[in-house]
C-alpha atoms as a PDB file:
ATOM      1  CA  MET A   1      11.669  27.909  17.805  1.00  0.00           C
ATOM      2  CA  ALA A   2      15.430  28.472  18.025  1.00  0.00           C
ATOM      3  CA  ALA A   3      15.810  24.783  18.847  1.00  0.00           C
ATOM      4  CA  ALA A   4      13.840  23.881  15.708  1.00  0.00           C
ATOM      5  CA  ALA A   5      16.118  26.044  13.583  1.00  0.00           C
ATOM      6  CA  TRP A   6      19.212  24.581  15.197  1.00  0.00           C
ATOM      7  CA  ASP A   7      17.981  20.991  14.756  1.00  0.00           C
ATOM      8  CA  ALA A   8      18.003  21.553  10.994  1.00  0.00           C
ATOM      9  CA  VAL A   9      21.709  22.455  10.998  1.00  0.00           C
ATOM     10  CA  ASP A  10      24.342  19.891  10.059  1.00  0.00           C
ATOM     11  CA  ILE A  11      27.848  21.213  10.686  1.00  0.00           C
ATOM     12  CA  PRO A  12      30.438  19.165   8.792  1.00  0.00           C
ATOM     13  CA  VAL A  13      33.462  17.784  10.602  1.00  0.00           C
ATOM     14  CA  PRO A  14      36.597  19.858  10.106  1.00  0.00           C
ATOM     15  CA  GLU A  15      38.864  19.250   7.150  1.00  0.00           C
ATOM     16  CA  VAL A  16      42.440  20.513   7.137  1.00  0.00           C
ATOM     17  CA  GLY A  17      45.264  21.040   4.729  1.00  0.00           C
ATOM     18  CA  HIS A  18      48.940  20.943   5.677  1.00  0.00           C
ATOM     19  CA  ASN A  19      52.331  21.848   4.257  1.00  0.00           C
ATOM     20  CA  PRO A  20      54.939  20.475   3.781  1.00  0.00           C
ATOM     21  CA  SER A  21      52.977  17.734   2.033  1.00  0.00           C
ATOM     22  CA  LEU A  22      55.594  15.662   0.242  1.00  0.00           C
ATOM     23  CA  GLY A  23      55.098  12.769  -2.153  1.00  0.00           C
ATOM     24  CA  GLU A  24      51.940  10.816  -2.827  1.00  0.00           C
ATOM     25  CA  GLY A  25      51.278  10.273   0.875  1.00  0.00           C
ATOM     26  CA  GLY A  26      51.511  13.953   1.780  1.00  0.00           C
ATOM     27  CA  ALA A  27      54.317  13.514   4.310  1.00  0.00           C
ATOM     28  CA  THR A  28      55.648  16.284   6.484  1.00  0.00           C
ATOM     29  CA  LEU A  29      59.037  16.305   8.227  1.00  0.00           C
ATOM     30  CA  VAL A  30      60.256  15.959  11.796  1.00  0.00           C
ATOM     31  CA  GLY A  31      61.327  19.304  13.246  1.00  0.00           C
ATOM     32  CA  TRP A  32      59.742  21.472  10.533  1.00  0.00           C
ATOM     33  CA  TYR A  33      56.970  23.959  11.132  1.00  0.00           C
ATOM     34  CA  THR A  34      54.042  22.268   9.435  1.00  0.00           C
ATOM     35  CA  TRP A  35      51.367  24.775   8.463  1.00  0.00           C
ATOM     36  CA  VAL A  36      47.821  23.576   9.142  1.00  0.00           C
ATOM     37  CA  TRP A  37      44.651  25.331   7.970  1.00  0.00           C
ATOM     38  CA  ALA A  38      40.905  24.817   7.772  1.00  0.00           C
ATOM     39  CA  ALA A  39      39.993  23.454   4.352  1.00  0.00           C
ATOM     40  CA  GLY A  40      37.066  22.105   2.388  1.00  0.00           C
ATOM     41  CA  ASP A  41      33.666  22.628   3.967  1.00  0.00           C
ATOM     42  CA  THR A  42      34.904  23.695   7.415  1.00  0.00           C
ATOM     43  CA  PRO A  43      32.660  26.677   8.197  1.00  0.00           C
ATOM     44  CA  THR A  44      33.656  29.575  10.434  1.00  0.00           C
ATOM     45  CA  GLN A  45      30.010  30.539  10.886  1.00  0.00           C
ATOM     46  CA  VAL A  46      26.700  28.738  10.416  1.00  0.00           C
ATOM     47  CA  THR A  47      23.277  30.400  10.418  1.00  0.00           C
ATOM     48  CA  ALA A  48      19.810  28.831  10.467  1.00  0.00           C
ATOM     49  CA  THR A  49      16.396  30.473  10.491  1.00  0.00           C
ATOM     50  CA  ALA A  50      12.945  29.188  11.452  1.00  0.00           C
ATOM     51  CA  THR A  51       9.596  30.959  11.300  1.00  0.00           C
ATOM     52  CA  ALA A  52       6.393  30.158  13.171  1.00  0.00           C
ATOM     53  CA  GLY A  53       3.567  32.585  12.620  1.00  0.00           C
ATOM     54  CA  PRO A  54       4.809  36.143  12.999  1.00  0.00           C
ATOM     55  CA  VAL A  55       8.046  35.195  14.814  1.00  0.00           C
ATOM     56  CA  THR A  56      11.331  34.355  13.109  1.00  0.00           C
ATOM     57  CA  ALA A  57      14.286  32.973  15.062  1.00  0.00           C
ATOM     58  CA  THR A  58      17.838  33.061  13.746  1.00  0.00           C
ATOM     59  CA  VAL A  59      20.476  30.803  15.249  1.00  0.00           C
ATOM     60  CA  THR A  60      24.137  31.650  14.656  1.00  0.00           C
ATOM     61  CA  ALA A  61      27.061  29.358  15.451  1.00  0.00           C
ATOM     62  CA  THR A  62      30.447  31.074  15.341  1.00  0.00           C
ATOM     63  CA  ALA A  63      33.622  29.006  15.332  1.00  0.00           C
ATOM     64  CA  THR A  64      36.431  29.991  17.678  1.00  0.00           C
ATOM     65  CA  GLY A  65      39.262  28.375  15.682  1.00  0.00           C
ATOM     66  CA  LEU A  66      41.000  25.066  15.187  1.00  0.00           C
ATOM     67  CA  ASP A  67      42.052  22.977  18.173  1.00  0.00           C
ATOM     68  CA  LEU A  68      44.788  20.537  17.139  1.00  0.00           C
ATOM     69  CA  SER A  69      46.447  17.661  18.947  1.00  0.00           C
ATOM     70  CA  ALA A  70      48.830  14.902  17.892  1.00  0.00           C
ATOM     71  CA  PRO A  71      51.217  12.555  19.657  1.00  0.00           C
ATOM     72  CA  ASP A  72      54.869  13.543  19.436  1.00  0.00           C
ATOM     73  CA  ALA A  73      54.032  17.100  18.393  1.00  0.00           C
ATOM     74  CA  GLN A  74      54.117  20.688  19.607  1.00  0.00           C
ATOM     75  CA  VAL A  75      51.041  22.642  18.521  1.00  0.00           C
ATOM     76  CA  ASP A  76      50.704  26.420  18.202  1.00  0.00           C
ATOM     77  CA  CYS A  77      47.284  27.317  16.807  1.00  0.00           C
ATOM     78  CA  HIS A  78      45.310  30.500  17.474  1.00  0.00           C
ATOM     79  CA  GLY A  79      42.823  30.654  14.614  1.00  0.00           C
ATOM     80  CA  PHE A  80      42.016  28.825  11.385  1.00  0.00           C
ATOM     81  CA  GLY A  81      45.474  28.793   9.834  1.00  0.00           C
ATOM     82  CA  THR A  82      46.570  30.243   6.520  1.00  0.00           C
ATOM     83  CA  PRO A  83      46.792  28.069   3.415  1.00  0.00           C
ATOM     84  CA  TRP A  84      50.445  27.773   2.482  1.00  0.00           C
ATOM     85  CA  ASN A  85      51.664  29.316  -0.737  1.00  0.00           C
ATOM     86  CA  GLN A  86      55.097  30.373  -1.857  1.00  0.00           C
ATOM     87  CA  GLY A  87      55.782  33.840  -0.529  1.00  0.00           C
ATOM     88  CA  ALA A  88      53.275  33.626   2.329  1.00  0.00           C
ATOM     89  CA  GLU A  89      54.570  35.468   5.378  1.00  0.00           C
ATOM     90  CA  GLY A  90      53.229  33.270   8.149  1.00  0.00           C
ATOM     91  CA  THR A  91      50.331  31.444   9.719  1.00  0.00           C
ATOM     92  CA  ASP A  92      48.569  31.308  13.063  1.00  0.00           C
ATOM     93  CA  CYS A  93      48.465  27.509  13.083  1.00  0.00           C
ATOM     94  CA  THR A  94      51.539  25.240  13.102  1.00  0.00           C
ATOM     95  CA  VAL A  95      52.502  21.789  14.294  1.00  0.00           C
ATOM     96  CA  VAL A  96      56.092  20.672  14.845  1.00  0.00           C
ATOM     97  CA  PHE A  97      56.378  16.885  14.942  1.00  0.00           C
ATOM     98  CA  THR A  98      59.185  15.731  17.229  1.00  0.00           C
ATOM     99  CA  ARG A  99      59.315  12.132  16.033  1.00  0.00           C
ATOM    100  CA  SER A 100      58.654  10.250  12.811  1.00  0.00           C
ATOM    101  CA  SER A 101      55.452   8.286  12.433  1.00  0.00           C
ATOM    102  CA  ALA A 102      57.318   5.012  11.797  1.00  0.00           C
ATOM    103  CA  HIS A 103      56.619   3.819  15.362  1.00  0.00           C
ATOM    104  CA  LEU A 104      52.897   4.563  14.895  1.00  0.00           C
ATOM    105  CA  GLY A 105      52.395   2.385  11.830  1.00  0.00           C
ATOM    106  CA  GLY A 106      53.433   4.976   9.261  1.00  0.00           C
ATOM    107  CA  THR A 107      51.151   7.898  10.058  1.00  0.00           C
ATOM    108  CA  THR A 108      50.534  10.224  12.983  1.00  0.00           C
ATOM    109  CA  PRO A 109      46.905  11.005  13.857  1.00  0.00           C
ATOM    110  CA  LEU A 110      46.199  14.741  13.874  1.00  0.00           C
ATOM    111  CA  THR A 111      42.972  15.361  15.770  1.00  0.00           C
ATOM    112  CA  THR A 112      41.191  18.535  14.716  1.00  0.00           C
ATOM    113  CA  SER A 113      38.289  20.079  16.609  1.00  0.00           C
ATOM    114  CA  VAL A 114      36.268  23.222  15.994  1.00  0.00           C
ATOM    115  CA  ARG A 115      34.193  24.674  18.835  1.00  0.00           C
ATOM    116  CA  TYR A 116      31.129  26.727  17.937  1.00  0.00           C
ATOM    117  CA  GLU A 117      29.586  29.302  20.264  1.00  0.00           C
ATOM    118  CA  VAL A 118      25.836  29.248  19.541  1.00  0.00           C
ATOM    119  CA  SER A 119      23.305  32.038  20.113  1.00  0.00           C
ATOM    120  CA  TYR A 120      19.908  33.046  18.812  1.00  0.00           C
ATOM    121  CA  THR A 121      17.783  36.111  18.302  1.00  0.00           C
ATOM    122  CA  ALA A 122      14.093  36.313  17.470  1.00  0.00           C
ATOM    123  CA  THR A 123      11.905  39.009  16.007  1.00  0.00           C
ATOM    124  CA  ASP A 124       9.837  39.036  19.222  1.00  0.00           C
ATOM    125  CA  GLY A 125      12.914  40.284  21.127  1.00  0.00           C
ATOM    126  CA  ALA A 126      14.016  36.948  22.586  1.00  0.00           C
ATOM    127  CA  ALA A 127      17.753  36.255  22.575  1.00  0.00           C
ATOM    128  CA  ASP A 128      19.963  33.774  24.382  1.00  0.00           C
ATOM    129  CA  THR A 129      22.878  31.394  24.052  1.00  0.00           C
ATOM    130  CA  LEU A 130      22.605  27.681  23.390  1.00  0.00           C
ATOM    131  CA  ASP A 131      24.976  24.857  24.245  1.00  0.00           C
ATOM    132  CA  THR A 132      28.416  24.986  22.651  1.00  0.00           C
ATOM    133  CA  VAL A 133      28.896  22.504  19.810  1.00  0.00           C
ATOM    134  CA  THR A 134      32.208  20.835  18.937  1.00  0.00           C
ATOM    135  CA  THR A 135      32.967  18.937  15.738  1.00  0.00           C
ATOM    136  CA  THR A 136      36.018  16.666  15.579  1.00  0.00           C
ATOM    137  CA  SER A 137      37.883  14.664  12.958  1.00  0.00           C
ATOM    138  CA  THR A 138      41.190  12.831  12.712  1.00  0.00           C
ATOM    139  CA  HIS A 139      43.584  13.020   9.771  1.00  0.00           C
ATOM    140  CA  ASP A 140      46.484  10.593   9.405  1.00  0.00           C
ATOM    141  CA  ILE A 141      49.674  12.389   8.383  1.00  0.00           C
ATOM    142  CA  PRO A 142      52.905  10.588   7.495  1.00  0.00           C
ATOM    143  CA  VAL A 143      55.833  12.192   9.316  1.00  0.00           C
ATOM    144  CA  ALA A 144      59.215  11.468   7.726  1.00  0.00           C
ATOM    145  CA  GLU A 145      62.623  11.928   9.256  1.00  0.00           C
ATOM    146  CA  VAL A 146      65.533  13.200   7.201  1.00  0.00           C
ATOM    147  CA  GLN A 147      68.991  12.079   8.250  1.00  0.00           C
ATOM    148  CA  THR A 148      72.338  13.049   6.818  1.00  0.00           C
ATOM    149  CA  LEU A 149      75.817  11.695   7.158  1.00  0.00           C
ATOM    150  CA  THR A 150      78.672  14.167   7.107  1.00  0.00           C
ATOM    151  CA  THR A 151      82.135  12.832   6.461  1.00  0.00           C
ATOM    152  CA  ASN A 152      85.480  14.557   6.754  1.00  0.00           C
ATOM    153  CA  PRO A 153      87.513  14.034   3.569  1.00  0.00           C
ATOM    154  CA  ASP A 154      90.815  14.405   5.500  1.00  0.00           C
END
């Protein structure tokens, strides 16, 4: 019965927001701490219930956090991130891009995965874990490089 409840569940792929997000393309910058956070319909927990006769089974999938990867980047992510806003003190999810995306065709792919630990309980006393489920998506982020030229007026 738990399998029937779980079969009815459709977990959406993860969506993320990021900041800095400059210009129309939403570019970030080389060397800056880019905040990343779960956005849109990315659930942290999903529950489904099925009933057959006198027994009801409830399946719960609990997300463990975002797992991020990108070429030319250092990732530090231990949760779901915090949406950036002016005055925010910090986040548990950052990416520092070490190179512009110019060599990758203009954008850098940021792969985002969410792993869900799945378990069930039933009113007849049954309880167990089910296979872990992972959802994955890729978001293309432009990474710009800022360069300056300093001259000595002397």
